[in-house]
Amino acid sequence: MWLNTIGFNNRNALDESEYAANTVIVLWSDHGYRLGEKGTFAKHALWNAATNAPLLFVAPQLPKGKVIDKSVEMLSIYPTLLELCGLPAYERNEGKSLVPTILGKEKKPSFAITTFGMNNHSVKSDYFRYIQYEDGGEEFYDHKYDPNEFTNQAENPEYRQEIERLKKYLPKTNAKWDPNSSYTFQPYFVEQKARTSASDENPPKITQNTGY
């Protein structure tokens, strides 16, 4: 997703109210929906078309109208709101506050991780995306030249150093599906859940919902 901050043209009502100095607005959406891109349909994928979403913050202490081309995670929304509201950080949050990034104080490279079931992850930097699947398959895209991710460069030796750099950010721990999960919609998830998370006490539930 791309991080942005915005200023509203019609903001007089808020600016002139008693709440102007203590109101925070955050706007985001569900993730993307593919309509034939790369020959696929729906939302479950690790590509940019399925993981890109808007994220916008408005707060008295933030600049207005600033657009920041950084890859960030929705996990960071809550930590960001805590800091904007002057509340203490919660140590169990996996995300991090985006306030330093918005204010231009964050100098470290930005990365966003997306997970698709167990052991399927993508790591998105400002210009590249690396994908690793549970079967060992890999994809790598250079968004400077291939923003639509049509050409997989995972086997291109010119990108080996960048691929190895992004691989270091892959999650080291992958939680199993809860064997009592009643999820029965996406066929791959249903099959993976039955294959990886079933036990003698909790046999797999493989009833599949084929509706759309």
C-alpha atoms as a PDB file:
ATOM      1  CA  MET A   1       0.000   0.000   0.000  1.00  0.00           C
ATOM      2  CA  TRP A   2       1.143   3.589  -0.460  1.00  0.00           C
ATOM      3  CA  LEU A   3       1.170   6.053   2.377  1.00  0.00           C
ATOM      4  CA  ASN A   4      -0.299   9.515   1.837  1.00  0.00           C
ATOM      5  CA  THR A   5      -1.355  12.512   3.890  1.00  0.00           C
ATOM      6  CA  ILE A   6      -4.000  14.834   2.520  1.00  0.00           C
ATOM      7  CA  GLY A   7      -5.518  18.256   3.036  1.00  0.00           C
ATOM      8  CA  PHE A   8      -9.208  18.646   2.331  1.00  0.00           C
ATOM      9  CA  ASN A   9     -10.411  21.548   0.154  1.00  0.00           C
ATOM     10  CA  ASN A  10     -13.645  21.736   2.117  1.00  0.00           C
ATOM     11  CA  ARG A  11     -12.335  21.567   5.673  1.00  0.00           C
ATOM     12  CA  ASN A  12     -13.683  24.786   7.138  1.00  0.00           C
ATOM     13  CA  ALA A  13     -16.245  23.054   9.339  1.00  0.00           C
ATOM     14  CA  LEU A  14     -13.601  21.085  11.199  1.00  0.00           C
ATOM     15  CA  ASP A  15     -10.942  23.836  11.207  1.00  0.00           C
ATOM     16  CA  GLU A  16     -13.357  26.337  12.684  1.00  0.00           C
ATOM     17  CA  SER A  17     -14.761  23.991  15.299  1.00  0.00           C
ATOM     18  CA  GLU A  18     -13.589  23.338  18.840  1.00  0.00           C
ATOM     19  CA  TYR A  19     -12.330  19.917  17.687  1.00  0.00           C
ATOM     20  CA  ALA A  20      -9.780  21.170  15.141  1.00  0.00           C
ATOM     21  CA  ALA A  21      -6.818  20.707  17.461  1.00  0.00           C
ATOM     22  CA  ASN A  22      -7.665  17.210  18.669  1.00  0.00           C
ATOM     23  CA  THR A  23      -9.198  15.362  15.710  1.00  0.00           C
ATOM     24  CA  VAL A  24      -7.392  12.614  13.819  1.00  0.00           C
ATOM     25  CA  ILE A  25      -8.747  11.186  10.578  1.00  0.00           C
ATOM     26  CA  VAL A  26      -7.505   7.962   8.998  1.00  0.00           C
ATOM     27  CA  LEU A  27      -8.849   6.561   5.742  1.00  0.00           C
ATOM     28  CA  TRP A  28      -7.979   3.184   4.271  1.00  0.00           C
ATOM     29  CA  SER A  29      -9.704   0.514   2.223  1.00  0.00           C
ATOM     30  CA  ASP A  30      -9.862  -3.198   1.652  1.00  0.00           C
ATOM     31  CA  HIS A  31      -7.111  -4.611  -0.559  1.00  0.00           C
ATOM     32  CA  GLY A  32      -7.231  -4.694  -4.335  1.00  0.00           C
ATOM     33  CA  TYR A  33      -9.503  -6.761  -6.565  1.00  0.00           C
ATOM     34  CA  ARG A  34      -8.151  -8.353  -9.739  1.00  0.00           C
ATOM     35  CA  LEU A  35     -10.371  -8.409 -12.822  1.00  0.00           C
ATOM     36  CA  GLY A  36      -8.277 -10.491 -15.202  1.00  0.00           C
ATOM     37  CA  GLU A  37      -4.798  -9.153 -14.468  1.00  0.00           C
ATOM     38  CA  LYS A  38      -2.204 -11.923 -15.014  1.00  0.00           C
ATOM     39  CA  GLY A  39      -5.097 -14.173 -16.049  1.00  0.00           C
ATOM     40  CA  THR A  40      -6.593 -14.274 -12.541  1.00  0.00           C
ATOM     41  CA  PHE A  41      -9.683 -13.071 -10.731  1.00  0.00           C
ATOM     42  CA  ALA A  42     -10.664 -11.969  -7.188  1.00  0.00           C
ATOM     43  CA  LYS A  43      -8.499 -10.870  -4.271  1.00  0.00           C
ATOM     44  CA  HIS A  44      -6.284 -13.686  -3.010  1.00  0.00           C
ATOM     45  CA  ALA A  45      -2.760 -13.113  -4.329  1.00  0.00           C
ATOM     46  CA  LEU A  46       0.587 -11.608  -3.369  1.00  0.00           C
ATOM     47  CA  TRP A  47       0.895  -9.324  -6.404  1.00  0.00           C
ATOM     48  CA  ASN A  48       0.617  -5.557  -6.365  1.00  0.00           C
ATOM     49  CA  ALA A  49      -2.866  -5.541  -7.909  1.00  0.00           C
ATOM     50  CA  ALA A  50      -4.188  -7.521  -4.930  1.00  0.00           C
ATOM     51  CA  THR A  51      -2.209  -5.900  -2.103  1.00  0.00           C
ATOM     52  CA  ASN A  52      -2.164  -2.205  -2.978  1.00  0.00           C
ATOM     53  CA  ALA A  53      -4.567   0.001  -0.996  1.00  0.00           C
ATOM     54  CA  PRO A  54      -4.811   3.677  -0.019  1.00  0.00           C
ATOM     55  CA  LEU A  55      -3.801   4.880   3.429  1.00  0.00           C
ATOM     56  CA  LEU A  56      -4.396   8.503   4.402  1.00  0.00           C
ATOM     57  CA  PHE A  57      -3.892  10.361   7.671  1.00  0.00           C
ATOM     58  CA  VAL A  58      -5.041  13.818   8.744  1.00  0.00           C
ATOM     59  CA  ALA A  59      -3.983  15.219  12.115  1.00  0.00           C
ATOM     60  CA  PRO A  60      -3.133  18.652  13.559  1.00  0.00           C
ATOM     61  CA  GLN A  61       0.559  17.736  13.873  1.00  0.00           C
ATOM     62  CA  LEU A  62       0.884  16.332  10.344  1.00  0.00           C
ATOM     63  CA  PRO A  63       1.649  18.260   7.142  1.00  0.00           C
ATOM     64  CA  LYS A  64      -1.246  18.752   4.730  1.00  0.00           C
ATOM     65  CA  GLY A  65      -1.144  17.685   1.119  1.00  0.00           C
ATOM     66  CA  LYS A  66       1.990  15.554   1.475  1.00  0.00           C
ATOM     67  CA  VAL A  67       2.291  12.401  -0.614  1.00  0.00           C
ATOM     68  CA  ILE A  68       4.827   9.791   0.496  1.00  0.00           C
ATOM     69  CA  ASP A  69       5.804   6.967  -1.832  1.00  0.00           C
ATOM     70  CA  LYS A  70       6.635   4.350   0.777  1.00  0.00           C
ATOM     71  CA  SER A  71       5.562   0.754   1.220  1.00  0.00           C
ATOM     72  CA  VAL A  72       3.834   0.358   4.580  1.00  0.00           C
ATOM     73  CA  GLU A  73       1.509  -2.110   6.303  1.00  0.00           C
ATOM     74  CA  MET A  74      -2.007  -1.797   7.671  1.00  0.00           C
ATOM     75  CA  LEU A  75      -0.589  -3.239  10.893  1.00  0.00           C
ATOM     76  CA  SER A  76       0.894   0.217  11.403  1.00  0.00           C
ATOM     77  CA  ILE A  77      -2.439   2.033  11.556  1.00  0.00           C
ATOM     78  CA  TYR A  78      -3.036   1.355  15.261  1.00  0.00           C
ATOM     79  CA  PRO A  79       0.507   2.271  16.435  1.00  0.00           C
ATOM     80  CA  THR A  80       0.277   5.455  14.358  1.00  0.00           C
ATOM     81  CA  LEU A  81      -3.026   6.423  15.966  1.00  0.00           C
ATOM     82  CA  LEU A  82      -1.564   5.796  19.428  1.00  0.00           C
ATOM     83  CA  GLU A  83       1.278   8.220  18.785  1.00  0.00           C
ATOM     84  CA  LEU A  84      -0.943  10.838  17.157  1.00  0.00           C
ATOM     85  CA  CYS A  85      -3.259  10.691  20.179  1.00  0.00           C
ATOM     86  CA  GLY A  86      -0.419  10.873  22.705  1.00  0.00           C
ATOM     87  CA  LEU A  87      -1.093   7.368  24.029  1.00  0.00           C
ATOM     88  CA  PRO A  88       1.600   4.869  25.069  1.00  0.00           C
ATOM     89  CA  ALA A  89       2.785   2.326  22.531  1.00  0.00           C
ATOM     90  CA  TYR A  90       1.597  -1.258  22.926  1.00  0.00           C
ATOM     91  CA  GLU A  91       4.558  -3.616  22.927  1.00  0.00           C
ATOM     92  CA  ARG A  92       2.624  -6.502  21.341  1.00  0.00           C
ATOM     93  CA  ASN A  93       1.863  -4.548  18.166  1.00  0.00           C
ATOM     94  CA  GLU A  94       3.742  -5.939  15.175  1.00  0.00           C
ATOM     95  CA  GLY A  95       3.353  -2.705  13.238  1.00  0.00           C
ATOM     96  CA  LYS A  96       5.195   0.514  13.938  1.00  0.00           C
ATOM     97  CA  SER A  97       4.090   4.124  14.098  1.00  0.00           C
ATOM     98  CA  LEU A  98       4.278   5.912  10.755  1.00  0.00           C
ATOM     99  CA  VAL A  99       4.545   9.378  12.295  1.00  0.00           C
ATOM    100  CA  PRO A 100       8.358   9.537  11.836  1.00  0.00           C
ATOM    101  CA  THR A 101       7.912   8.512   8.191  1.00  0.00           C
ATOM    102  CA  ILE A 102       5.238  11.151   7.591  1.00  0.00           C
ATOM    103  CA  LEU A 103       7.391  13.845   9.206  1.00  0.00           C
ATOM    104  CA  GLY A 104      10.434  12.821   7.205  1.00  0.00           C
ATOM    105  CA  LYS A 105      12.386  11.628  10.246  1.00  0.00           C
ATOM    106  CA  GLU A 106      12.533   7.940   9.339  1.00  0.00           C
ATOM    107  CA  LYS A 107      15.726   7.261   7.405  1.00  0.00           C
ATOM    108  CA  LYS A 108      15.600   3.467   7.277  1.00  0.00           C
ATOM    109  CA  PRO A 109      14.312   1.723   4.107  1.00  0.00           C
ATOM    110  CA  SER A 110      10.624   0.888   4.144  1.00  0.00           C
ATOM    111  CA  PHE A 111       9.313  -2.660   3.652  1.00  0.00           C
ATOM    112  CA  ALA A 112       5.819  -4.154   3.686  1.00  0.00           C
ATOM    113  CA  ILE A 113       5.113  -7.851   4.212  1.00  0.00           C
ATOM    114  CA  THR A 114       1.964  -9.584   2.960  1.00  0.00           C
ATOM    115  CA  THR A 115       1.003 -13.166   3.846  1.00  0.00           C
ATOM    116  CA  PHE A 116      -1.249 -15.512   1.850  1.00  0.00           C
ATOM    117  CA  GLY A 117      -2.057 -18.482   4.059  1.00  0.00           C
ATOM    118  CA  MET A 118       0.884 -20.373   5.589  1.00  0.00           C
ATOM    119  CA  ASN A 119       4.399 -19.970   4.194  1.00  0.00           C
ATOM    120  CA  ASN A 120       3.424 -17.712   1.299  1.00  0.00           C
ATOM    121  CA  HIS A 121       4.808 -14.202   1.660  1.00  0.00           C
ATOM    122  CA  SER A 122       5.723 -11.132  -0.328  1.00  0.00           C
ATOM    123  CA  VAL A 123       8.201  -8.452   0.707  1.00  0.00           C
ATOM    124  CA  LYS A 124       7.638  -5.065  -0.958  1.00  0.00           C
ATOM    125  CA  SER A 125      10.272  -2.338  -0.921  1.00  0.00           C
ATOM    126  CA  ASP A 126       9.988   1.043  -2.617  1.00  0.00           C
ATOM    127  CA  TYR A 127      10.948  -0.370  -6.024  1.00  0.00           C
ATOM    128  CA  PHE A 128      10.900  -4.166  -5.822  1.00  0.00           C
ATOM    129  CA  ARG A 129       8.629  -7.055  -4.828  1.00  0.00           C
ATOM    130  CA  TYR A 130       9.870 -10.491  -3.822  1.00  0.00           C
ATOM    131  CA  ILE A 131       7.441 -13.422  -3.403  1.00  0.00           C
ATOM    132  CA  GLN A 132       8.154 -16.837  -1.917  1.00  0.00           C
ATOM    133  CA  TYR A 133       5.552 -19.625  -1.936  1.00  0.00           C
ATOM    134  CA  GLU A 134       5.295 -22.654   0.339  1.00  0.00           C
ATOM    135  CA  ASP A 135       6.402 -24.972  -2.476  1.00  0.00           C
ATOM    136  CA  GLY A 136       9.625 -22.990  -2.919  1.00  0.00           C
ATOM    137  CA  GLY A 137       8.461 -21.015  -5.953  1.00  0.00           C
ATOM    138  CA  GLU A 138       9.792 -17.476  -6.242  1.00  0.00           C
ATOM    139  CA  GLU A 139       8.818 -14.294  -8.057  1.00  0.00           C
ATOM    140  CA  PHE A 140      10.650 -10.990  -8.240  1.00  0.00           C
ATOM    141  CA  TYR A 141       9.528  -7.783  -9.936  1.00  0.00           C
ATOM    142  CA  ASP A 142      11.261  -4.487 -10.646  1.00  0.00           C
ATOM    143  CA  HIS A 143       8.576  -1.815 -10.413  1.00  0.00           C
ATOM    144  CA  LYS A 144      10.742   0.838 -12.020  1.00  0.00           C
ATOM    145  CA  TYR A 145      10.501  -0.994 -15.338  1.00  0.00           C
ATOM    146  CA  ASP A 146       7.598  -3.381 -14.760  1.00  0.00           C
ATOM    147  CA  PRO A 147       4.914  -1.725 -12.591  1.00  0.00           C
ATOM    148  CA  ASN A 148       2.312  -4.292 -13.696  1.00  0.00           C
ATOM    149  CA  GLU A 149       4.503  -7.225 -12.619  1.00  0.00           C
ATOM    150  CA  PHE A 150       4.317  -9.014 -15.955  1.00  0.00           C
ATOM    151  CA  THR A 151       7.931 -10.259 -16.019  1.00  0.00           C
ATOM    152  CA  ASN A 152       9.213 -12.508 -13.242  1.00  0.00           C
ATOM    153  CA  GLN A 153      12.903 -11.738 -12.696  1.00  0.00           C
ATOM    154  CA  ALA A 154      13.523 -14.324  -9.963  1.00  0.00           C
ATOM    155  CA  GLU A 155      16.005 -16.215 -12.158  1.00  0.00           C
ATOM    156  CA  ASN A 156      17.751 -13.096 -13.432  1.00  0.00           C
ATOM    157  CA  PRO A 157      21.273 -13.017 -11.916  1.00  0.00           C
ATOM    158  CA  GLU A 158      21.332  -9.224 -12.157  1.00  0.00           C
ATOM    159  CA  TYR A 159      18.807  -9.086  -9.304  1.00  0.00           C
ATOM    160  CA  ARG A 160      20.329 -11.772  -7.080  1.00  0.00           C
ATOM    161  CA  GLN A 161      21.720  -9.299  -4.540  1.00  0.00           C
ATOM    162  CA  GLU A 162      18.381  -7.485  -4.198  1.00  0.00           C
ATOM    163  CA  ILE A 163      16.491 -10.778  -3.914  1.00  0.00           C
ATOM    164  CA  GLU A 164      18.748 -11.952  -1.098  1.00  0.00           C
ATOM    165  CA  ARG A 165      18.284  -8.633   0.682  1.00  0.00           C
ATOM    166  CA  LEU A 166      14.489  -8.887   0.610  1.00  0.00           C
ATOM    167  CA  LYS A 167      14.500 -12.569   1.598  1.00  0.00           C
ATOM    168  CA  LYS A 168      15.963 -11.550   4.975  1.00  0.00           C
ATOM    169  CA  TYR A 169      12.628  -9.928   5.832  1.00  0.00           C
ATOM    170  CA  LEU A 170      10.541 -13.059   5.304  1.00  0.00           C
ATOM    171  CA  PRO A 171       8.702 -14.121   8.503  1.00  0.00           C
ATOM    172  CA  LYS A 172      10.564 -16.762  10.482  1.00  0.00           C
ATOM    173  CA  THR A 173       7.419 -18.066  12.207  1.00  0.00           C
ATOM    174  CA  ASN A 174       4.286 -19.218  10.382  1.00  0.00           C
ATOM    175  CA  ALA A 175       1.208 -19.831  12.503  1.00  0.00           C
ATOM    176  CA  LYS A 176      -0.853 -22.900  11.668  1.00  0.00           C
ATOM    177  CA  TRP A 177      -4.506 -22.771  10.819  1.00  0.00           C
ATOM    178  CA  ASP A 178      -6.752 -23.334  13.791  1.00  0.00           C
ATOM    179  CA  PRO A 179      -8.124 -26.877  13.295  1.00  0.00           C
ATOM    180  CA  ASN A 180     -11.510 -25.619  14.484  1.00  0.00           C
ATOM    181  CA  SER A 181     -11.627 -22.940  11.814  1.00  0.00           C
ATOM    182  CA  SER A 182     -14.886 -23.000   9.866  1.00  0.00           C
ATOM    183  CA  TYR A 183     -13.390 -21.262   6.828  1.00  0.00           C
ATOM    184  CA  THR A 184     -14.592 -23.059   3.671  1.00  0.00           C
ATOM    185  CA  PHE A 185     -14.422 -20.535   0.845  1.00  0.00           C
ATOM    186  CA  GLN A 186     -11.082 -20.186  -0.989  1.00  0.00           C
ATOM    187  CA  PRO A 187     -10.108 -23.657  -2.291  1.00  0.00           C
ATOM    188  CA  TYR A 188      -6.376 -23.271  -1.693  1.00  0.00           C
ATOM    189  CA  PHE A 189      -6.891 -22.181   1.909  1.00  0.00           C
ATOM    190  CA  VAL A 190      -9.284 -25.079   2.557  1.00  0.00           C
ATOM    191  CA  GLU A 191      -6.770 -27.582   1.163  1.00  0.00           C
ATOM    192  CA  GLN A 192      -3.833 -26.044   3.005  1.00  0.00           C
ATOM    193  CA  LYS A 193      -5.703 -25.975   6.297  1.00  0.00           C
ATOM    194  CA  ALA A 194      -6.588 -29.665   5.978  1.00  0.00           C
ATOM    195  CA  ARG A 195      -3.053 -30.606   4.947  1.00  0.00           C
ATOM    196  CA  THR A 196      -1.093 -28.646   7.559  1.00  0.00           C
ATOM    197  CA  SER A 197      -3.248 -28.150  10.623  1.00  0.00           C
ATOM    198  CA  ALA A 198      -5.400 -31.231  11.104  1.00  0.00           C
ATOM    199  CA  SER A 199      -4.849 -33.721  13.938  1.00  0.00           C
ATOM    200  CA  ASP A 200      -6.368 -36.984  15.135  1.00  0.00           C
ATOM    201  CA  GLU A 201      -8.447 -35.024  17.641  1.00  0.00           C
ATOM    202  CA  ASN A 202      -9.466 -32.444  15.045  1.00  0.00           C
ATOM    203  CA  PRO A 203      -9.819 -34.082  11.616  1.00  0.00           C
ATOM    204  CA  PRO A 204      -9.894 -31.696   8.660  1.00  0.00           C
ATOM    205  CA  LYS A 205     -13.127 -30.056   7.636  1.00  0.00           C
ATOM    206  CA  ILE A 206     -13.069 -30.079   3.844  1.00  0.00           C
ATOM    207  CA  THR A 207     -16.610 -29.022   3.039  1.00  0.00           C
ATOM    208  CA  GLN A 208     -16.181 -26.343   0.404  1.00  0.00           C
ATOM    209  CA  ASN A 209     -18.367 -23.345  -0.338  1.00  0.00           C
ATOM    210  CA  THR A 210     -18.344 -22.842  -4.103  1.00  0.00           C
ATOM    211  CA  GLY A 211     -20.428 -19.670  -4.073  1.00  0.00           C
ATOM    212  CA  TYR A 212     -19.061 -16.284  -5.080  1.00  0.00           C
END
